C-alpha atoms as a PDB file:
ATOM      1  CA  MET A   1       0.000   0.000   0.000  1.00  0.00           C
ATOM      2  CA  GLY A   2       2.966   2.301   0.482  1.00  0.00           C
ATOM      3  CA  GLU A   3       3.274   2.616  -3.301  1.00  0.00           C
ATOM      4  CA  LEU A   4      -0.151   4.276  -3.552  1.00  0.00           C
ATOM      5  CA  VAL A   5       1.409   7.723  -3.489  1.00  0.00           C
ATOM      6  CA  ASN A   6      -1.701   9.395  -4.950  1.00  0.00           C
ATOM      7  CA  LEU A   7      -4.018   8.044  -2.253  1.00  0.00           C
ATOM      8  CA  ARG A   8      -6.097  10.847  -0.735  1.00  0.00           C
ATOM      9  CA  HIS A   9      -8.593   9.013   1.474  1.00  0.00           C
ATOM     10  CA  LEU A  10      -7.775   6.043   3.748  1.00  0.00           C
ATOM     11  CA  ASP A  11     -10.449   4.482   5.944  1.00  0.00           C
ATOM     12  CA  LEU A  12      -9.029   1.902   8.369  1.00  0.00           C
ATOM     13  CA  SER A  13     -12.073   1.874  10.636  1.00  0.00           C
ATOM     14  CA  TYR A  14     -13.106  -1.467  12.139  1.00  0.00           C
ATOM     15  CA  THR A  15      -9.877  -3.200  11.098  1.00  0.00           C
ATOM     16  CA  SER A  16      -8.886  -4.503  14.530  1.00  0.00           C
ATOM     17  CA  ASP A  17      -7.880  -7.883  13.047  1.00  0.00           C
ATOM     18  CA  LEU A  18      -5.558  -6.457  10.426  1.00  0.00           C
ATOM     19  CA  GLU A  19      -2.382  -8.454  11.040  1.00  0.00           C
ATOM     20  CA  GLU A  20       0.309  -5.872  10.418  1.00  0.00           C
ATOM     21  CA  ILE A  21       0.804  -2.238   9.484  1.00  0.00           C
ATOM     22  CA  GLU A  22       4.514  -1.881   8.922  1.00  0.00           C
ATOM     23  CA  TYR A  23       6.448   1.108  10.176  1.00  0.00           C
ATOM     24  CA  GLY A  24       6.865   3.791   7.517  1.00  0.00           C
ATOM     25  CA  LEU A  25       3.892   2.777   5.394  1.00  0.00           C
ATOM     26  CA  ILE A  26       1.574   5.652   6.316  1.00  0.00           C
ATOM     27  CA  SER A  27       4.324   8.275   6.038  1.00  0.00           C
ATOM     28  CA  ARG A  28       4.805   7.400   2.347  1.00  0.00           C
ATOM     29  CA  LEU A  29       1.226   8.432   1.554  1.00  0.00           C
ATOM     30  CA  THR A  30       2.177  12.089   1.239  1.00  0.00           C
ATOM     31  CA  ASN A  31      -1.027  13.126  -0.584  1.00  0.00           C
ATOM     32  CA  LEU A  32      -3.319  11.721   2.097  1.00  0.00           C
ATOM     33  CA  GLU A  33      -6.043  14.188   3.090  1.00  0.00           C
ATOM     34  CA  GLU A  34      -8.399  12.037   5.171  1.00  0.00           C
ATOM     35  CA  LEU A  35      -7.490   9.262   7.605  1.00  0.00           C
ATOM     36  CA  ASP A  36     -10.026   7.372   9.713  1.00  0.00           C
ATOM     37  CA  MET A  37      -8.671   5.065  12.431  1.00  0.00           C
ATOM     38  CA  TYR A  38     -11.887   4.274  14.299  1.00  0.00           C
ATOM     39  CA  GLU A  39     -11.395   0.887  16.018  1.00  0.00           C
ATOM     40  CA  SER A  40      -8.294   0.363  13.946  1.00  0.00           C
ATOM     41  CA  ARG A  41      -5.330  -1.948  14.398  1.00  0.00           C
ATOM     42  CA  TYR A  42      -3.181   1.099  13.590  1.00  0.00           C
ATOM     43  CA  ILE A  43      -3.609   2.328  17.161  1.00  0.00           C
ATOM     44  CA  LEU A  44      -2.668  -1.034  18.634  1.00  0.00           C
ATOM     45  CA  GLU A  45       0.460  -1.230  16.487  1.00  0.00           C
ATOM     46  CA  MET A  46       1.810   1.832  18.301  1.00  0.00           C
ATOM     47  CA  GLU A  47       2.205  -0.266  21.395  1.00  0.00           C
ATOM     48  CA  MET A  48       3.649  -3.232  19.500  1.00  0.00           C
ATOM     49  CA  GLY A  49       6.554  -1.650  17.639  1.00  0.00           C
ATOM     50  CA  GLY A  50       4.732  -1.207  14.349  1.00  0.00           C
ATOM     51  CA  ALA A  51       3.127   2.006  13.176  1.00  0.00           C
ATOM     52  CA  LYS A  52       3.991   5.188  15.066  1.00  0.00           C
ATOM     53  CA  TRP A  53       2.280   8.542  15.563  1.00  0.00           C
ATOM     54  CA  GLU A  54       5.424  10.184  14.165  1.00  0.00           C
ATOM     55  CA  GLU A  55       4.479   8.812  10.746  1.00  0.00           C
ATOM     56  CA  LEU A  56       1.645  11.307  10.555  1.00  0.00           C
ATOM     57  CA  GLU A  57       3.965  14.292  10.909  1.00  0.00           C
ATOM     58  CA  GLY A  58       4.840  14.335   7.216  1.00  0.00           C
ATOM     59  CA  LEU A  59       1.225  14.266   6.078  1.00  0.00           C
ATOM     60  CA  LYS A  60       1.023  17.993   5.406  1.00  0.00           C
ATOM     61  CA  ARG A  61      -2.227  17.668   3.455  1.00  0.00           C
ATOM     62  CA  LEU A  62      -4.105  15.802   6.172  1.00  0.00           C
ATOM     63  CA  LYS A  63      -7.374  17.627   6.827  1.00  0.00           C
ATOM     64  CA  SER A  64      -9.508  14.992   8.540  1.00  0.00           C
ATOM     65  CA  LEU A  65      -8.544  12.639  11.351  1.00  0.00           C
ATOM     66  CA  GLY A  66     -10.849  10.119  12.996  1.00  0.00           C
ATOM     67  CA  THR A  67      -9.461   8.279  16.009  1.00  0.00           C
ATOM     68  CA  PHE A  68     -10.458   5.536  18.408  1.00  0.00           C
ATOM     69  CA  ILE A  69      -7.989   5.632  21.296  1.00  0.00           C
ATOM     70  CA  ILE A  70      -8.333   3.666  24.524  1.00  0.00           C
ATOM     71  CA  LEU A  71      -4.683   3.053  25.321  1.00  0.00           C
ATOM     72  CA  ASP A  72      -3.359   6.238  26.888  1.00  0.00           C
ATOM     73  CA  VAL A  73      -4.362   9.901  26.809  1.00  0.00           C
ATOM     74  CA  LYS A  74      -0.665  10.816  26.425  1.00  0.00           C
ATOM     75  CA  PHE A  75      -1.035  10.371  22.653  1.00  0.00           C
ATOM     76  CA  LEU A  76      -3.176  13.507  22.427  1.00  0.00           C
ATOM     77  CA  ASN A  77      -0.360  15.641  23.854  1.00  0.00           C
ATOM     78  CA  MET A  78       2.430  14.299  21.655  1.00  0.00           C
ATOM     79  CA  PRO A  79       4.191  17.055  19.632  1.00  0.00           C
ATOM     80  CA  VAL A  80       3.462  15.323  16.328  1.00  0.00           C
ATOM     81  CA  VAL A  81      -0.260  15.276  17.072  1.00  0.00           C
ATOM     82  CA  GLU A  82      -0.264  18.897  18.194  1.00  0.00           C
ATOM     83  CA  THR A  83       1.512  19.822  14.946  1.00  0.00           C
ATOM     84  CA  MET A  84      -1.260  18.204  12.916  1.00  0.00           C
ATOM     85  CA  PHE A  85      -3.917  20.134  14.799  1.00  0.00           C
ATOM     86  CA  SER A  86      -3.107  23.397  13.027  1.00  0.00           C
ATOM     87  CA  HIS A  87      -4.338  22.175   9.634  1.00  0.00           C
ATOM     88  CA  LEU A  88      -7.046  19.657  10.542  1.00  0.00           C
ATOM     89  CA  ARG A  89     -10.529  20.473   9.271  1.00  0.00           C
ATOM     90  CA  LYS A  90     -12.346  17.567  10.897  1.00  0.00           C
ATOM     91  CA  LEU A  91     -11.636  15.747  14.150  1.00  0.00           C
ATOM     92  CA  TYR A  92     -13.536  12.776  15.510  1.00  0.00           C
ATOM     93  CA  LEU A  93     -12.678  11.554  19.015  1.00  0.00           C
ATOM     94  CA  CYS A  94     -14.478   8.342  19.908  1.00  0.00           C
ATOM     95  CA  LYS A  95     -14.336   6.305  23.113  1.00  0.00           C
ATOM     96  CA  TYR A  96     -11.203   8.096  24.318  1.00  0.00           C
ATOM     97  CA  HIS A  97     -11.001   6.658  27.840  1.00  0.00           C
ATOM     98  CA  GLY A  98      -9.267   8.695  30.556  1.00  0.00           C
ATOM     99  CA  LEU A  99      -9.769  12.035  28.809  1.00  0.00           C
ATOM    100  CA  THR A 100     -11.126  14.395  31.495  1.00  0.00           C
ATOM    101  CA  ASN A 101     -10.773  17.686  29.629  1.00  0.00           C
ATOM    102  CA  PHE A 102     -10.202  18.801  26.070  1.00  0.00           C
ATOM    103  CA  TYR A 103      -8.648  22.197  25.447  1.00  0.00           C
ATOM    104  CA  HIS A 104      -6.671  21.560  22.260  1.00  0.00           C
ATOM    105  CA  ILE A 105      -9.122  23.238  19.899  1.00  0.00           C
ATOM    106  CA  SER A 106      -7.436  26.610  20.445  1.00  0.00           C
ATOM    107  CA  ALA A 107      -4.587  25.288  18.278  1.00  0.00           C
ATOM    108  CA  MET A 108      -6.971  24.034  15.579  1.00  0.00           C
ATOM    109  CA  THR A 109      -7.324  27.217  13.590  1.00  0.00           C
ATOM    110  CA  SER A 110      -8.694  25.423  10.501  1.00  0.00           C
ATOM    111  CA  LEU A 111     -11.065  23.043  12.292  1.00  0.00           C
ATOM    112  CA  LYS A 112     -14.608  23.062  10.904  1.00  0.00           C
ATOM    113  CA  THR A 113     -16.091  19.899  12.450  1.00  0.00           C
ATOM    114  CA  LEU A 114     -15.578  18.547  15.972  1.00  0.00           C
ATOM    115  CA  TYR A 115     -17.314  15.308  16.932  1.00  0.00           C
ATOM    116  CA  ILE A 116     -16.765  13.782  20.375  1.00  0.00           C
ATOM    117  CA  ASP A 117     -18.461  10.475  21.148  1.00  0.00           C
ATOM    118  CA  GLY A 118     -18.301   8.150  24.134  1.00  0.00           C
ATOM    119  CA  CYS A 119     -15.514   9.873  26.073  1.00  0.00           C
ATOM    120  CA  LEU A 120     -17.000   8.772  29.368  1.00  0.00           C
ATOM    121  CA  ASP A 121     -14.568  10.670  31.638  1.00  0.00           C
ATOM    122  CA  LEU A 122     -14.760  14.066  29.933  1.00  0.00           C
ATOM    123  CA  THR A 123     -15.952  16.655  32.484  1.00  0.00           C
ATOM    124  CA  TRP A 124     -15.321  19.916  30.643  1.00  0.00           C
ATOM    125  CA  LEU A 125     -14.704  21.020  27.112  1.00  0.00           C
ATOM    126  CA  ASP A 126     -12.952  24.232  26.160  1.00  0.00           C
ATOM    127  CA  ILE A 127     -13.601  24.996  22.526  1.00  0.00           C
ATOM    128  CA  GLY A 128     -11.353  28.048  22.697  1.00  0.00           C
ATOM    129  CA  ARG A 129     -11.483  30.658  19.989  1.00  0.00           C
ATOM    130  CA  GLY A 130     -12.463  28.114  17.338  1.00  0.00           C
ATOM    131  CA  PRO A 131     -12.555  30.761  14.562  1.00  0.00           C
ATOM    132  CA  SER A 132     -13.398  28.250  11.814  1.00  0.00           C
ATOM    133  CA  LEU A 133     -15.611  25.829  13.755  1.00  0.00           C
ATOM    134  CA  GLU A 134     -18.933  25.243  11.981  1.00  0.00           C
ATOM    135  CA  TRP A 135     -20.220  21.972  13.400  1.00  0.00           C
ATOM    136  CA  LEU A 136     -20.020  20.824  17.027  1.00  0.00           C
ATOM    137  CA  GLU A 137     -21.497  17.441  17.949  1.00  0.00           C
ATOM    138  CA  LEU A 138     -21.239  15.930  21.423  1.00  0.00           C
ATOM    139  CA  TYR A 139     -22.617  12.450  22.023  1.00  0.00           C
ATOM    140  CA  GLU A 140     -22.727  10.274  25.127  1.00  0.00           C
ATOM    141  CA  LEU A 141     -20.551  12.333  27.464  1.00  0.00           C
ATOM    142  CA  PRO A 142     -22.160  11.429  30.821  1.00  0.00           C
ATOM    143  CA  MET A 143     -19.694  13.423  32.968  1.00  0.00           C
ATOM    144  CA  LEU A 144     -19.639  16.644  30.922  1.00  0.00           C
ATOM    145  CA  LYS A 145     -20.635  19.600  33.100  1.00  0.00           C
ATOM    146  CA  ASN A 146     -19.382  22.611  31.215  1.00  0.00           C
ATOM    147  CA  ILE A 147     -18.690  23.803  27.686  1.00  0.00           C
ATOM    148  CA  ARG A 148     -16.215  26.581  28.342  1.00  0.00           C
ATOM    149  CA  SER A 149     -15.567  29.683  26.252  1.00  0.00           C
ATOM    150  CA  PHE A 150     -19.206  30.247  25.247  1.00  0.00           C
ATOM    151  CA  ASP A 151     -19.239  32.539  28.272  1.00  0.00           C
ATOM    152  CA  VAL A 152     -16.018  34.397  27.395  1.00  0.00           C
ATOM    153  CA  PRO A 153     -16.942  37.822  25.988  1.00  0.00           C
ATOM    154  CA  ILE A 154     -14.565  37.961  23.011  1.00  0.00           C
ATOM    155  CA  ALA A 155     -16.229  38.878  19.760  1.00  0.00           C
ATOM    156  CA  CYS A 156     -14.145  36.674  17.462  1.00  0.00           C
ATOM    157  CA  HIS A 157     -15.255  33.422  19.087  1.00  0.00           C
ATOM    158  CA  HIS A 158     -17.474  31.008  17.141  1.00  0.00           C
ATOM    159  CA  ASN A 159     -18.674  33.445  14.492  1.00  0.00           C
ATOM    160  CA  ASN A 160     -18.847  30.604  11.961  1.00  0.00           C
ATOM    161  CA  LEU A 161     -20.626  28.056  14.157  1.00  0.00           C
ATOM    162  CA  ARG A 162     -23.681  26.771  12.289  1.00  0.00           C
ATOM    163  CA  ARG A 163     -24.760  23.541  13.960  1.00  0.00           C
ATOM    164  CA  VAL A 164     -24.696  22.378  17.564  1.00  0.00           C
ATOM    165  CA  ALA A 165     -25.876  18.890  18.530  1.00  0.00           C
ATOM    166  CA  ILE A 166     -25.694  17.693  22.137  1.00  0.00           C
ATOM    167  CA  ILE A 167     -26.956  14.180  22.824  1.00  0.00           C
ATOM    168  CA  CYS A 168     -26.885  12.066  25.997  1.00  0.00           C
ATOM    169  CA  CYS A 169     -24.916  14.503  28.160  1.00  0.00           C
ATOM    170  CA  ASP A 170     -26.776  14.027  31.427  1.00  0.00           C
ATOM    171  CA  ARG A 171     -24.758  16.330  33.709  1.00  0.00           C
ATOM    172  CA  LEU A 172     -24.857  19.394  31.517  1.00  0.00           C
ATOM    173  CA  ILE A 173     -27.226  21.963  33.068  1.00  0.00           C
ATOM    174  CA  ASN A 174     -27.062  24.956  30.719  1.00  0.00           C
ATOM    175  CA  VAL A 175     -25.955  25.343  27.120  1.00  0.00           C
ATOM    176  CA  PHE A 176     -25.556  28.990  26.054  1.00  0.00           C
ATOM    177  CA  PRO A 177     -25.178  32.024  28.331  1.00  0.00           C
ATOM    178  CA  SER A 178     -26.856  35.124  26.945  1.00  0.00           C
ATOM    179  CA  VAL A 179     -23.464  36.803  26.452  1.00  0.00           C
ATOM    180  CA  ALA A 180     -22.745  34.241  23.728  1.00  0.00           C
ATOM    181  CA  MET A 181     -25.570  35.422  21.477  1.00  0.00           C
ATOM    182  CA  SER A 182     -23.490  38.045  19.684  1.00  0.00           C
ATOM    183  CA  ARG A 183     -20.974  35.349  18.743  1.00  0.00           C
ATOM    184  CA  LEU A 184     -23.529  32.861  17.417  1.00  0.00           C
ATOM    185  CA  GLN A 185     -24.997  34.984  14.656  1.00  0.00           C
ATOM    186  CA  ASN A 186     -24.581  32.252  12.022  1.00  0.00           C
ATOM    187  CA  LEU A 187     -26.070  29.426  14.080  1.00  0.00           C
ATOM    188  CA  GLU A 188     -28.679  27.552  12.013  1.00  0.00           C
ATOM    189  CA  LEU A 189     -29.479  24.425  14.017  1.00  0.00           C
ATOM    190  CA  ILE A 190     -29.656  23.495  17.701  1.00  0.00           C
ATOM    191  CA  GLN A 191     -30.340  19.863  18.545  1.00  0.00           C
ATOM    192  CA  ILE A 192     -30.400  18.743  22.175  1.00  0.00           C
ATOM    193  CA  ILE A 193     -31.565  15.226  22.974  1.00  0.00           C
ATOM    194  CA  THR A 194     -31.688  13.149  26.169  1.00  0.00           C
ATOM    195  CA  CYS A 195     -29.792  15.506  28.445  1.00  0.00           C
ATOM    196  CA  ASN A 196     -31.653  15.023  31.693  1.00  0.00           C
ATOM    197  CA  SER A 197     -30.112  17.881  33.720  1.00  0.00           C
ATOM    198  CA  ILE A 198     -30.508  20.758  31.260  1.00  0.00           C
ATOM    199  CA  GLU A 199     -32.829  23.382  32.751  1.00  0.00           C
ATOM    200  CA  GLU A 200     -32.475  26.202  30.231  1.00  0.00           C
ATOM    201  CA  ILE A 201     -31.080  26.598  26.721  1.00  0.00           C
ATOM    202  CA  ILE A 202     -30.120  30.283  26.938  1.00  0.00           C
ATOM    203  CA  THR A 203     -29.403  31.520  30.447  1.00  0.00           C
ATOM    204  CA  GLY A 204     -30.036  35.137  31.318  1.00  0.00           C
ATOM    205  CA  ALA A 205     -31.409  37.746  28.951  1.00  0.00           C
ATOM    206  CA  ILE A 206     -29.761  40.598  27.096  1.00  0.00           C
ATOM    207  CA  GLU A 207     -32.080  43.053  25.371  1.00  0.00           C
ATOM    208  CA  ASP A 208     -32.221  42.710  21.578  1.00  0.00           C
ATOM    209  CA  SER A 209     -29.997  39.612  21.566  1.00  0.00           C
ATOM    210  CA  ARG A 210     -31.170  37.147  18.943  1.00  0.00           C
ATOM    211  CA  LEU A 211     -30.090  34.305  16.687  1.00  0.00           C
ATOM    212  CA  PRO A 212     -30.907  35.739  13.244  1.00  0.00           C
ATOM    213  CA  LYS A 213     -30.086  32.633  11.186  1.00  0.00           C
ATOM    214  CA  LEU A 214     -31.440  29.934  13.489  1.00  0.00           C
ATOM    215  CA  ARG A 215     -33.923  27.846  11.503  1.00  0.00           C
ATOM    216  CA  ASP A 216     -34.224  24.533  13.316  1.00  0.00           C
ATOM    217  CA  LEU A 217     -34.651  23.812  17.039  1.00  0.00           C
ATOM    218  CA  ASN A 218     -34.966  20.206  18.230  1.00  0.00           C
ATOM    219  CA  LEU A 219     -35.477  19.556  21.956  1.00  0.00           C
ATOM    220  CA  THR A 220     -36.159  15.921  22.811  1.00  0.00           C
ATOM    221  CA  SER A 221     -36.350  14.066  26.139  1.00  0.00           C
ATOM    222  CA  LEU A 222     -35.116  16.938  28.304  1.00  0.00           C
ATOM    223  CA  HIS A 223     -36.842  16.055  31.556  1.00  0.00           C
ATOM    224  CA  SER A 224     -35.487  18.991  33.584  1.00  0.00           C
ATOM    225  CA  LEU A 225     -35.985  21.662  30.928  1.00  0.00           C
ATOM    226  CA  MET A 226     -38.162  24.489  32.260  1.00  0.00           C
ATOM    227  CA  SER A 227     -37.370  27.303  29.821  1.00  0.00           C
ATOM    228  CA  VAL A 228     -35.687  27.902  26.492  1.00  0.00           C
ATOM    229  CA  GLY A 229     -34.676  31.337  27.803  1.00  0.00           C
ATOM    230  CA  GLY A 230     -33.387  34.273  25.816  1.00  0.00           C
ATOM    231  CA  SER A 231     -34.810  37.742  25.291  1.00  0.00           C
ATOM    232  CA  VAL A 232     -38.043  38.540  23.471  1.00  0.00           C
ATOM    233  CA  GLY A 233     -37.455  37.908  19.781  1.00  0.00           C
ATOM    234  CA  ALA A 234     -34.361  35.763  20.277  1.00  0.00           C
ATOM    235  CA  TRP A 235     -36.016  32.879  18.418  1.00  0.00           C
ATOM    236  CA  SER A 236     -37.917  34.880  15.793  1.00  0.00           C
ATOM    237  CA  SER A 237     -36.121  33.362  12.780  1.00  0.00           C
ATOM    238  CA  LEU A 238     -37.165  29.772  13.574  1.00  0.00           C
ATOM    239  CA  GLU A 239     -38.832  27.756  10.808  1.00  0.00           C
ATOM    240  CA  VAL A 240     -38.910  24.341  12.511  1.00  0.00           C
ATOM    241  CA  ILE A 241     -39.581  23.640  16.197  1.00  0.00           C
ATOM    242  CA  GLN A 242     -39.611  20.069  17.459  1.00  0.00           C
ATOM    243  CA  VAL A 243     -40.273  19.612  21.172  1.00  0.00           C
ATOM    244  CA  THR A 244     -40.823  16.054  22.385  1.00  0.00           C
ATOM    245  CA  ASP A 245     -40.940  14.550  25.880  1.00  0.00           C
ATOM    246  CA  CYS A 246     -40.077  17.784  27.712  1.00  0.00           C
ATOM    247  CA  HIS A 247     -42.705  17.553  30.453  1.00  0.00           C
ATOM    248  CA  ASN A 248     -41.516  20.498  32.572  1.00  0.00           C
ATOM    249  CA  LEU A 249     -41.248  23.023  29.754  1.00  0.00           C
ATOM    250  CA  LYS A 250     -43.806  25.761  30.438  1.00  0.00           C
ATOM    251  CA  LYS A 251     -43.389  28.000  27.397  1.00  0.00           C
ATOM    252  CA  LEU A 252     -42.357  27.565  23.791  1.00  0.00           C
ATOM    253  CA  PRO A 253     -39.873  29.901  22.054  1.00  0.00           C
ATOM    254  CA  ALA A 254     -41.400  33.265  21.143  1.00  0.00           C
END
């Protein structure tokens, strides 16, 4: 496979029985743009003297990285991985055991999509400045209590964010503080499902704050939700509202 020098997309997901990935093979794929290692033998080979993280350092065109890492959180802080962060456009972290916080997005200046799934120990997420981030999806993070930086009043944060999906994050209480509204002017979709501690979507109220491009709001199985919050007119651009199994919600968006 090392002779496939024009290869741009390599999906090694669900290849845990692949017998061998020799050292140096991945580094020869210099045109590779997308690499998916979900449940891949590639990760295991790092512990067995085969493939190494350092092989990825030469992949200057790599824009998308999907990983399934259960061995050791030290891999996330390796210099070669941090170097790749600056030009990644998509990052998928799945079942990353032992990861209690994630703050690396500040270095991901080109990142457009961040998907975190099944990181059972993650307690807080700092999405930093995230100037290019368009899609944020968080799934099955039972310990997550806080999404930091939404409440930091810096105008350049998250101006490109278009979609936010939060699913099965049972310890998260609030999503957006009202001070974040001015930095979410391009937000088009909010989807929050099965988050049993969320009490309010927008906390506090700032006069004339609104989400001018928000079209779709999906709130499902939020048993503690009492209010969507926000100022009068904050939700005026909505075209689709789906509210299901939210028994304590007293008032719909207005």
